[in-house]
Amino acid sequence: GSGRILDQDFQRVNRSIADGTFFENAAFVGAFERAKQRGTNVHLLGLVSYGGVHSHIEHLRALLELARRQGMEDRTFIHAFTDGRDVSPHSAVHDLAELPEDRIASVSGRYYAMDRDQRWERTERAYAAIVSGRPVWGQTPVVAVQASYDRGVTDEFIEPVAIEDRPSLGQGDAAIFFNFRPDRARQLAIKLLDAEFDLTTMTRYHEDFDCPVAFEEQNVSETMAEVLAEHDARQLHVAETEKYAHVTYFFNGGREDEWAGETRILVPSPRDVPSYDHKPEMSAREVAARFADEVGKGYAFAVVNFANPDMVGHTGSIPAVIKAVETTDACLGGVVEAVERAGGVSLITADHGNAEQMLEADGTSPHTAHTTNPVPLILTKEGMGLMEKGELSDLMPTALALLGFAQPLQMTGKSLLR
């Protein structure tokens, strides 16, 4: 929604490590200093992964190096969340083996530690392993992961365990949450802040969180939503829970609040299944129905997200993904028809791939991560074409051109209309 290539938090952190400013960051150094003064421990919480979507293992290594420089190496512990979505579902056994084994205090699959669907019972299980030290696992973290594999449980779903004889996060300790993407870090952060733990976060997880932040939000002005508000043009944003942040917070350049004339519709994602391969249709039909009911009520612009191909694609179940794509296709047809009835045109695309590649190169292992394959862009206006080889940053300039609104200078993308 910004019409430009933004400086991603992943790269901001990477650059700070490369130029050394990471090790002078006041939020990080402050956490270590407070623990040092109190004679307590520092706990590093986050997704241990090479995925680069929510976190990166190199950021954790940098924090361990900072602990060494602060003389806190022996009082710093890791609470590792295992991935399995943005990387191979069997990566954790190798990734954890790269870390100092005696520093890992707990292991939790991201299904529990990084829920964003208000399933607090999942968050509670990860919290219990981190704070209460239960249930206890008497062997090494790598053995815990391998034991899960032996039961047919992959990285995402590894049940939270506390490693025996390692300290839990206690009052007086300092905690650093090193995920840079906010949406899947919020629930656990809320639990920790509500319990009044000394928490520092990599980025700003929510504007209401009262805690030190290492990398504050960037000011992204003149996004699509802001431009529409400046023109007094009404706008509609619709998604189910799993992708609601994508059509609001992320689409609006990291802004939580609505703009003038902005209507948001949140459709609850299913809560009666452990994962979406059990219900690949998710809430797509209600998303489409709510959108169709609303879009004809005087809106100049609308954005709607269907979560199915991505969320079900992450499960690696090919039959479920086929059902997810079929459902999305049918619902998308209804959306396009509703837009046409309202006198509008549709731009249809995706921000990355997933469902189109379900197997790894060996032809047998499930592929559960995003892809960087080119995605289509479809314009439903007869007699008008699109230029080839566009970028995601060109989408909003294209939409503004369709609306007849001037493109702000801050948007560096270009209209793809021809």
Protein backbone atom coordinates (compact mmCIF):
# COMPACT_ATOMS: atom_id res chain seq x y z
CA GLY A 1 0.00 0.00 0.00
CA SER A 2 2.99 2.37 0.06
CA GLY A 3 3.83 2.47 -3.65
CA ARG A 4 7.54 2.20 -2.95
CA ILE A 5 10.18 -0.27 -1.80
CA LEU A 6 10.41 0.21 1.95
CA ASP A 7 13.50 -0.26 4.07
CA GLN A 8 12.53 -3.58 5.65
CA ASP A 9 13.24 -4.16 9.34
CA PHE A 10 15.20 -7.29 8.42
CA GLN A 11 17.68 -5.19 6.44
CA ARG A 12 17.78 -2.42 9.05
CA VAL A 13 18.93 -4.95 11.65
CA ASN A 14 21.37 -6.56 9.23
CA ARG A 15 23.00 -3.22 8.45
CA SER A 16 23.30 -2.33 12.12
CA ILE A 17 25.12 -5.60 12.76
CA ALA A 18 27.43 -4.97 9.81
CA ASP A 19 28.32 -1.41 10.85
CA GLY A 20 28.54 -2.23 14.57
CA THR A 21 25.75 0.06 15.80
CA PHE A 22 23.74 -3.02 16.83
CA PHE A 23 26.17 -3.56 19.71
CA GLU A 24 25.70 0.04 20.89
CA ASN A 25 21.90 0.02 20.62
CA ALA A 26 20.59 1.71 23.77
CA ALA A 27 17.63 -0.66 24.17
CA PHE A 28 19.76 -3.80 23.98
CA VAL A 29 22.60 -2.44 26.10
CA GLY A 30 20.09 -1.17 28.65
CA ALA A 31 18.57 -4.63 29.06
CA PHE A 32 21.98 -6.16 29.77
CA GLU A 33 22.95 -3.31 32.09
CA ARG A 34 19.78 -3.65 34.16
CA ALA A 35 20.27 -7.39 34.56
CA LYS A 36 23.92 -6.83 35.43
CA GLN A 37 23.01 -4.32 38.14
CA ARG A 38 20.42 -6.66 39.61
CA GLY A 39 22.61 -9.74 39.36
CA THR A 40 19.99 -11.51 37.23
CA ASN A 41 19.81 -13.25 33.85
CA VAL A 42 19.04 -12.12 30.32
CA HIS A 43 16.64 -14.22 28.23
CA LEU A 44 16.55 -14.08 24.43
CA LEU A 45 13.17 -15.07 22.96
CA GLY A 46 12.35 -15.58 19.31
CA LEU A 47 12.11 -17.65 16.17
CA VAL A 48 15.37 -19.52 15.54
CA SER A 49 15.29 -19.66 11.76
CA TYR A 50 17.05 -18.67 8.56
CA GLY A 51 13.66 -17.70 7.10
CA GLY A 52 14.07 -13.94 7.40
CA VAL A 53 10.30 -13.41 7.54
CA HIS A 54 9.83 -12.92 11.29
CA SER A 55 13.41 -13.17 12.52
CA HIS A 56 16.84 -14.43 11.56
CA ILE A 57 19.28 -16.65 13.42
CA GLU A 58 22.10 -14.17 12.70
CA HIS A 59 20.27 -11.58 14.81
CA LEU A 60 20.28 -14.05 17.70
CA ARG A 61 23.99 -14.67 17.18
CA ALA A 62 24.58 -10.93 17.34
CA LEU A 63 22.74 -10.76 20.68
CA LEU A 64 24.90 -13.61 21.98
CA GLU A 65 27.97 -11.64 20.89
CA LEU A 66 26.60 -8.59 22.71
CA ALA A 67 26.17 -10.76 25.82
CA ARG A 68 29.84 -11.73 25.54
CA ARG A 69 30.91 -8.10 25.21
CA GLN A 70 28.78 -7.19 28.22
CA GLY A 71 30.37 -9.94 30.31
CA MET A 72 26.97 -11.67 30.53
CA GLU A 73 27.66 -14.72 28.37
CA ASP A 74 27.16 -17.15 31.26
CA ARG A 75 23.93 -15.45 32.36
CA THR A 76 22.22 -15.27 28.98
CA PHE A 77 19.72 -17.94 27.90
CA ILE A 78 17.70 -18.68 24.77
CA HIS A 79 14.02 -19.55 24.48
CA ALA A 80 13.92 -20.96 20.98
CA PHE A 81 10.82 -20.99 18.79
CA THR A 82 11.01 -23.49 15.95
CA ASP A 83 9.83 -22.52 12.47
CA GLY A 84 8.73 -25.06 9.84
CA ARG A 85 6.69 -22.54 7.80
CA ASP A 86 9.18 -20.12 6.30
CA VAL A 87 11.81 -22.85 6.01
CA SER A 88 11.80 -26.64 5.71
CA PRO A 89 9.64 -28.34 8.38
CA HIS A 90 12.70 -30.29 9.58
CA SER A 91 15.20 -27.41 9.85
CA ALA A 92 15.17 -26.92 13.62
CA VAL A 93 17.21 -30.01 14.43
CA HIS A 94 20.08 -28.47 12.45
CA ASP A 95 19.51 -24.83 13.42
CA LEU A 96 19.45 -25.51 17.17
CA ALA A 97 22.62 -27.57 16.83
CA GLU A 98 24.41 -24.40 15.65
CA LEU A 99 23.71 -22.66 18.97
CA PRO A 100 25.47 -23.24 22.31
CA GLU A 101 23.48 -26.15 23.73
CA ASP A 102 23.94 -25.10 27.36
CA ARG A 103 22.31 -21.71 26.65
CA ILE A 104 18.96 -23.04 25.38
CA ALA A 105 16.40 -22.93 28.19
CA SER A 106 13.20 -23.86 26.35
CA VAL A 107 11.91 -24.95 22.95
CA SER A 108 8.45 -24.13 21.54
CA GLY A 109 6.97 -24.57 18.09
CA ARG A 110 5.79 -21.31 16.56
CA TYR A 111 2.24 -22.74 16.50
CA TYR A 112 2.25 -22.06 20.24
CA ALA A 113 4.72 -19.22 20.76
CA MET A 114 3.66 -17.10 17.78
CA ASP A 115 -0.11 -17.47 17.52
CA ARG A 116 -1.85 -14.35 16.23
CA ASP A 117 -5.45 -15.63 16.13
CA GLN A 118 -6.33 -14.95 19.80
CA ARG A 119 -5.90 -18.63 20.64
CA TRP A 120 -4.51 -17.79 24.03
CA GLU A 121 -4.38 -21.42 25.12
CA ARG A 122 -1.52 -21.87 22.64
CA THR A 123 0.29 -18.76 23.87
CA GLU A 124 -0.17 -19.95 27.45
CA ARG A 125 1.69 -23.20 26.74
CA ALA A 126 4.72 -21.38 25.36
CA TYR A 127 4.55 -18.92 28.26
CA ALA A 128 4.50 -21.81 30.76
CA ALA A 129 7.68 -23.29 29.28
CA ILE A 130 9.45 -19.91 29.35
CA VAL A 131 8.25 -18.58 32.71
CA SER A 132 7.12 -21.57 34.77
CA GLY A 133 9.62 -24.09 33.42
CA ARG A 134 7.02 -26.71 32.57
CA PRO A 135 6.82 -29.30 31.28
CA VAL A 136 10.43 -30.30 31.90
CA TRP A 137 12.46 -32.11 29.25
CA GLY A 138 15.36 -34.09 30.67
CA GLN A 139 17.53 -34.30 27.55
CA THR A 140 19.06 -31.82 25.10
CA PRO A 141 17.03 -29.42 22.92
CA VAL A 142 18.11 -31.22 19.74
CA VAL A 143 16.94 -34.54 21.19
CA ALA A 144 13.60 -32.88 22.01
CA VAL A 145 13.19 -31.85 18.38
CA GLN A 146 14.23 -35.27 17.08
CA ALA A 147 11.79 -36.95 19.47
CA SER A 148 9.04 -34.79 17.97
CA TYR A 149 10.05 -35.84 14.47
CA ASP A 150 9.89 -39.47 15.58
CA ARG A 151 6.26 -38.86 16.60
CA GLY A 152 5.48 -37.28 13.24
CA VAL A 153 5.48 -33.72 14.66
CA THR A 154 7.35 -31.16 12.56
CA ASP A 155 9.00 -27.90 13.64
CA GLU A 156 5.96 -25.63 13.62
CA PHE A 157 4.03 -27.87 16.01
CA ILE A 158 6.74 -28.92 18.49
CA GLU A 159 5.13 -28.87 21.92
CA PRO A 160 6.70 -26.39 24.34
CA VAL A 161 9.20 -27.83 26.82
CA ALA A 162 11.59 -26.36 29.37
CA ILE A 163 15.08 -27.86 29.37
CA GLU A 164 16.00 -29.44 32.69
CA ASP A 165 18.39 -27.48 34.94
CA ARG A 166 18.10 -24.29 32.86
CA PRO A 167 16.64 -21.15 34.44
CA SER A 168 13.18 -19.93 33.59
CA LEU A 169 12.44 -16.26 32.99
CA GLY A 170 11.98 -14.78 36.44
CA GLN A 171 11.06 -11.41 37.93
CA GLY A 172 14.15 -9.23 37.88
CA ASP A 173 15.50 -10.90 34.76
CA ALA A 174 15.65 -9.01 31.46
CA ALA A 175 14.03 -10.44 28.32
CA ILE A 176 14.77 -9.48 24.72
CA PHE A 177 12.25 -10.57 22.07
CA PHE A 178 14.25 -10.64 18.83
CA ASN A 179 11.49 -11.17 16.26
CA PHE A 180 11.39 -8.09 14.04
CA ARG A 181 7.91 -8.69 12.59
CA PRO A 182 5.24 -7.61 15.08
CA ASP A 183 2.08 -9.54 14.27
CA ARG A 184 3.08 -12.97 15.58
CA ALA A 185 5.01 -11.57 18.54
CA ARG A 186 2.21 -9.54 20.10
CA GLN A 187 0.29 -12.15 22.07
CA LEU A 188 3.31 -13.52 23.92
CA ALA A 189 4.58 -9.97 24.47
CA ILE A 190 1.22 -9.04 26.01
CA LYS A 191 1.50 -11.97 28.45
CA LEU A 192 5.01 -10.91 29.46
CA LEU A 193 4.13 -7.23 29.84
CA ASP A 194 0.96 -8.02 31.80
CA ALA A 195 3.14 -10.01 34.21
CA GLU A 196 5.43 -6.94 34.48
CA PHE A 197 8.54 -8.59 33.09
CA ASP A 198 11.42 -6.38 31.97
CA LEU A 199 10.86 -6.82 28.21
CA THR A 200 12.73 -5.22 25.31
CA THR A 201 11.51 -5.81 21.75
CA MET A 202 13.40 -5.73 18.47
CA THR A 203 10.79 -3.48 16.82
CA ARG A 204 7.63 -1.69 17.95
CA TYR A 205 5.10 -4.51 18.37
CA HIS A 206 2.21 -2.21 19.26
CA GLU A 207 1.88 1.50 19.87
CA ASP A 208 0.42 0.84 23.34
CA PHE A 209 3.26 -1.41 24.56
CA ASP A 210 5.27 0.34 27.27
CA CYS A 211 8.72 -1.18 26.86
CA PRO A 212 12.10 -0.34 25.29
CA VAL A 213 12.30 -0.86 21.51
CA ALA A 214 15.57 -1.39 19.67
CA PHE A 215 14.43 -0.33 16.19
CA GLU A 216 11.56 2.16 16.25
CA GLU A 217 8.99 2.48 13.48
CA GLN A 218 9.79 4.37 10.31
CA ASN A 219 7.50 7.19 9.23
CA VAL A 220 5.89 6.09 5.96
CA SER A 221 3.87 8.99 4.60
CA GLU A 222 1.55 9.31 1.60
CA THR A 223 0.50 5.68 1.51
CA MET A 224 -2.51 4.69 -0.57
CA ALA A 225 -4.80 4.93 2.45
CA GLU A 226 -3.54 8.42 3.32
CA VAL A 227 -3.87 9.66 -0.27
CA LEU A 228 -7.45 8.42 -0.40
CA ALA A 229 -8.21 10.20 2.88
CA GLU A 230 -6.73 13.42 1.48
CA HIS A 231 -9.17 13.15 -1.44
CA ASP A 232 -12.11 12.46 0.91
CA ALA A 233 -12.48 9.12 -0.88
CA ARG A 234 -14.00 6.27 1.09
CA GLN A 235 -12.01 3.02 1.30
CA LEU A 236 -12.80 -0.53 2.40
CA HIS A 237 -10.35 -3.07 3.89
CA VAL A 238 -11.56 -6.67 4.37
CA ALA A 239 -9.85 -9.88 5.54
CA GLU A 240 -10.19 -12.72 8.00
CA THR A 241 -8.17 -12.74 11.21
CA GLU A 242 -5.08 -14.43 9.81
CA LYS A 243 -4.54 -11.67 7.23
CA TYR A 244 -6.30 -8.73 8.85
CA ALA A 245 -3.00 -7.03 9.75
CA HIS A 246 -1.93 -7.35 6.12
CA VAL A 247 -4.83 -5.23 4.81
CA THR A 248 -4.63 -2.71 7.68
CA TYR A 249 -1.36 -2.29 9.61
CA PHE A 250 1.01 -3.48 6.87
CA PHE A 251 -1.00 -2.07 3.96
CA ASN A 252 -1.08 1.33 5.67
CA GLY A 253 2.69 1.48 6.13
CA GLY A 254 2.79 0.34 9.75
CA ARG A 255 -0.09 2.53 10.93
CA GLU A 256 -2.53 0.99 13.42
CA ASP A 257 -5.23 3.67 13.29
CA GLU A 258 -7.82 4.05 10.56
CA TRP A 259 -7.73 7.02 8.21
CA ALA A 260 -10.79 9.23 7.70
CA GLY A 261 -13.24 7.43 5.44
CA GLU A 262 -11.63 4.03 6.04
CA THR A 263 -13.91 1.10 6.87
CA ARG A 264 -12.41 -2.16 8.16
CA ILE A 265 -14.18 -5.52 8.24
CA LEU A 266 -12.63 -8.36 10.25
CA VAL A 267 -14.02 -11.86 9.65
CA PRO A 268 -12.95 -14.37 12.34
CA SER A 269 -10.73 -17.21 11.12
CA PRO A 270 -11.88 -20.74 12.08
CA ARG A 271 -11.01 -21.73 15.63
CA ASP A 272 -12.35 -25.28 15.62
CA VAL A 273 -9.36 -26.87 13.83
CA PRO A 274 -5.71 -27.27 14.91
CA SER A 275 -4.42 -26.26 11.45
CA TYR A 276 -6.06 -25.12 8.26
CA ASP A 277 -5.47 -28.26 6.22
CA HIS A 278 -8.40 -29.56 8.29
CA LYS A 279 -10.55 -26.69 6.99
CA PRO A 280 -8.95 -25.36 3.80
CA GLU A 281 -11.93 -23.17 2.95
CA MET A 282 -11.16 -21.18 6.14
CA SER A 283 -13.51 -18.14 6.24
CA ALA A 284 -13.20 -17.23 2.56
CA ARG A 285 -16.91 -17.45 1.79
CA GLU A 286 -17.81 -15.04 4.59
CA VAL A 287 -14.99 -12.69 3.55
CA ALA A 288 -16.39 -12.64 0.00
CA ALA A 289 -19.97 -12.21 1.20
CA ARG A 290 -19.14 -9.36 3.61
CA PHE A 291 -17.11 -7.65 0.89
CA ALA A 292 -19.88 -8.03 -1.70
CA ASP A 293 -22.48 -6.65 0.71
CA GLU A 294 -20.39 -3.57 1.51
CA VAL A 295 -18.43 -2.61 -1.61
CA GLY A 296 -21.37 -1.00 -3.42
CA LYS A 297 -21.93 1.59 -0.68
CA GLY A 298 -19.98 4.46 -2.16
CA TYR A 299 -16.34 3.36 -1.88
CA ALA A 300 -13.66 4.63 -4.26
CA PHE A 301 -11.19 1.88 -3.34
CA ALA A 302 -11.30 -1.50 -1.65
CA VAL A 303 -8.72 -4.13 -0.71
CA VAL A 304 -9.62 -7.72 0.18
CA ASN A 305 -7.33 -10.61 1.11
CA PHE A 306 -7.99 -14.33 0.79
CA ALA A 307 -5.74 -16.19 3.22
CA ASN A 308 -6.30 -19.73 1.94
CA PRO A 309 -3.49 -20.37 -0.60
CA ASP A 310 -0.85 -19.09 1.82
CA MET A 311 -2.13 -20.40 5.14
CA VAL A 312 -3.04 -23.84 3.78
CA GLY A 313 0.09 -23.87 1.62
CA HIS A 314 2.16 -23.70 4.80
CA THR A 315 0.72 -27.05 5.91
CA GLY A 316 2.27 -28.91 2.99
CA SER A 317 -0.92 -30.90 2.34
CA ILE A 318 -1.50 -31.03 -1.42
CA PRO A 319 -5.17 -32.18 -1.29
CA ALA A 320 -5.94 -29.39 1.19
CA VAL A 321 -4.16 -26.80 -0.94
CA ILE A 322 -6.18 -27.85 -3.99
CA LYS A 323 -9.37 -27.31 -1.99
CA ALA A 324 -8.06 -23.97 -0.71
CA VAL A 325 -7.31 -22.72 -4.22
CA GLU A 326 -10.66 -23.93 -5.55
CA THR A 327 -12.45 -22.11 -2.73
CA THR A 328 -10.46 -18.94 -3.32
CA ASP A 329 -11.17 -19.08 -7.05
CA ALA A 330 -14.91 -19.37 -6.49
CA CYS A 331 -14.95 -16.57 -3.90
CA LEU A 332 -12.79 -14.32 -6.04
CA GLY A 333 -15.33 -14.63 -8.84
CA GLY A 334 -17.99 -13.26 -6.52
CA VAL A 335 -15.74 -10.39 -5.48
CA VAL A 336 -15.04 -9.39 -9.10
CA GLU A 337 -18.76 -9.50 -9.91
CA ALA A 338 -19.56 -7.31 -6.90
CA VAL A 339 -16.94 -4.76 -7.96
CA GLU A 340 -18.36 -4.70 -11.49
CA ARG A 341 -21.87 -4.13 -10.13
CA ALA A 342 -20.49 -1.19 -8.16
CA GLY A 343 -19.04 0.26 -11.37
CA GLY A 344 -15.43 -0.57 -10.56
CA VAL A 345 -12.56 -2.66 -11.88
CA SER A 346 -10.38 -5.20 -10.07
CA LEU A 347 -6.62 -5.70 -9.83
CA ILE A 348 -5.85 -9.27 -8.76
CA THR A 349 -2.40 -10.32 -7.54
CA ALA A 350 -0.38 -11.82 -4.66
CA ASP A 351 2.60 -10.52 -2.71
CA HIS A 352 4.48 -13.82 -2.94
CA GLY A 353 4.05 -17.45 -3.96
CA ASN A 354 3.39 -20.58 -1.89
CA ALA A 355 0.64 -22.88 -3.15
CA GLU A 356 2.14 -23.20 -6.64
CA GLN A 357 5.14 -25.13 -5.27
CA MET A 358 4.27 -27.93 -2.89
CA LEU A 359 7.34 -30.18 -3.21
CA GLU A 360 11.05 -29.61 -2.74
CA ALA A 361 13.53 -30.27 -5.53
CA ASP A 362 13.74 -33.95 -4.54
CA GLY A 363 10.13 -34.37 -5.65
CA THR A 364 8.98 -35.93 -2.37
CA SER A 365 9.65 -33.59 0.58
CA PRO A 366 6.87 -31.08 1.31
CA HIS A 367 7.63 -27.44 0.53
CA THR A 368 5.90 -25.24 3.12
CA ALA A 369 7.61 -21.88 2.70
CA HIS A 370 6.91 -18.79 0.61
CA THR A 371 8.43 -18.60 -2.85
CA THR A 372 9.81 -15.67 -4.82
CA ASN A 373 8.30 -16.86 -8.10
CA PRO A 374 6.76 -14.12 -10.27
CA VAL A 375 3.08 -13.55 -9.48
CA PRO A 376 0.38 -12.58 -12.00
CA LEU A 377 -1.38 -9.24 -12.12
CA ILE A 378 -4.84 -9.30 -13.68
CA LEU A 379 -6.85 -6.20 -14.61
CA THR A 380 -10.55 -6.80 -15.24
CA LYS A 381 -11.12 -3.72 -17.43
CA GLU A 382 -11.79 -4.53 -21.07
CA GLY A 383 -9.71 -2.68 -23.64
CA MET A 384 -6.96 -1.78 -21.18
CA GLY A 385 -3.69 -3.66 -20.81
CA LEU A 386 -0.78 -3.82 -18.38
CA MET A 387 2.94 -3.51 -18.93
CA GLU A 388 5.11 -6.58 -18.33
CA LYS A 389 7.55 -7.15 -15.48
CA GLY A 390 6.11 -4.81 -12.90
CA GLU A 391 6.91 -4.77 -9.20
CA LEU A 392 4.71 -4.77 -6.10
CA SER A 393 5.58 -1.10 -5.63
CA ASP A 394 3.77 -0.41 -8.92
CA LEU A 395 0.38 -1.61 -7.68
CA MET A 396 -0.75 1.54 -5.88
CA PRO A 397 0.44 3.91 -8.63
CA THR A 398 -1.60 1.74 -11.01
CA ALA A 399 -4.65 1.96 -8.73
CA LEU A 400 -4.25 5.74 -8.43
CA ALA A 401 -4.08 6.02 -12.23
CA LEU A 402 -7.32 4.06 -12.51
CA LEU A 403 -8.91 6.46 -10.01
CA GLY A 404 -7.53 9.52 -11.78
CA PHE A 405 -5.66 10.69 -8.68
CA ALA A 406 -2.17 12.19 -8.89
CA GLN A 407 0.65 9.99 -7.62
CA PRO A 408 2.51 11.57 -4.66
CA LEU A 409 6.24 12.10 -4.99
CA GLN A 410 6.87 9.69 -2.11
CA MET A 411 5.61 6.81 -4.26
CA THR A 412 8.50 5.68 -6.45
CA GLY A 413 6.60 2.93 -8.26
CA LYS A 414 5.02 3.51 -11.66
CA SER A 415 1.61 2.91 -13.17
CA LEU A 416 1.51 -0.28 -15.24
CA LEU A 417 -1.43 0.86 -17.38
CA ARG A 418 -0.82 1.00 -21.11
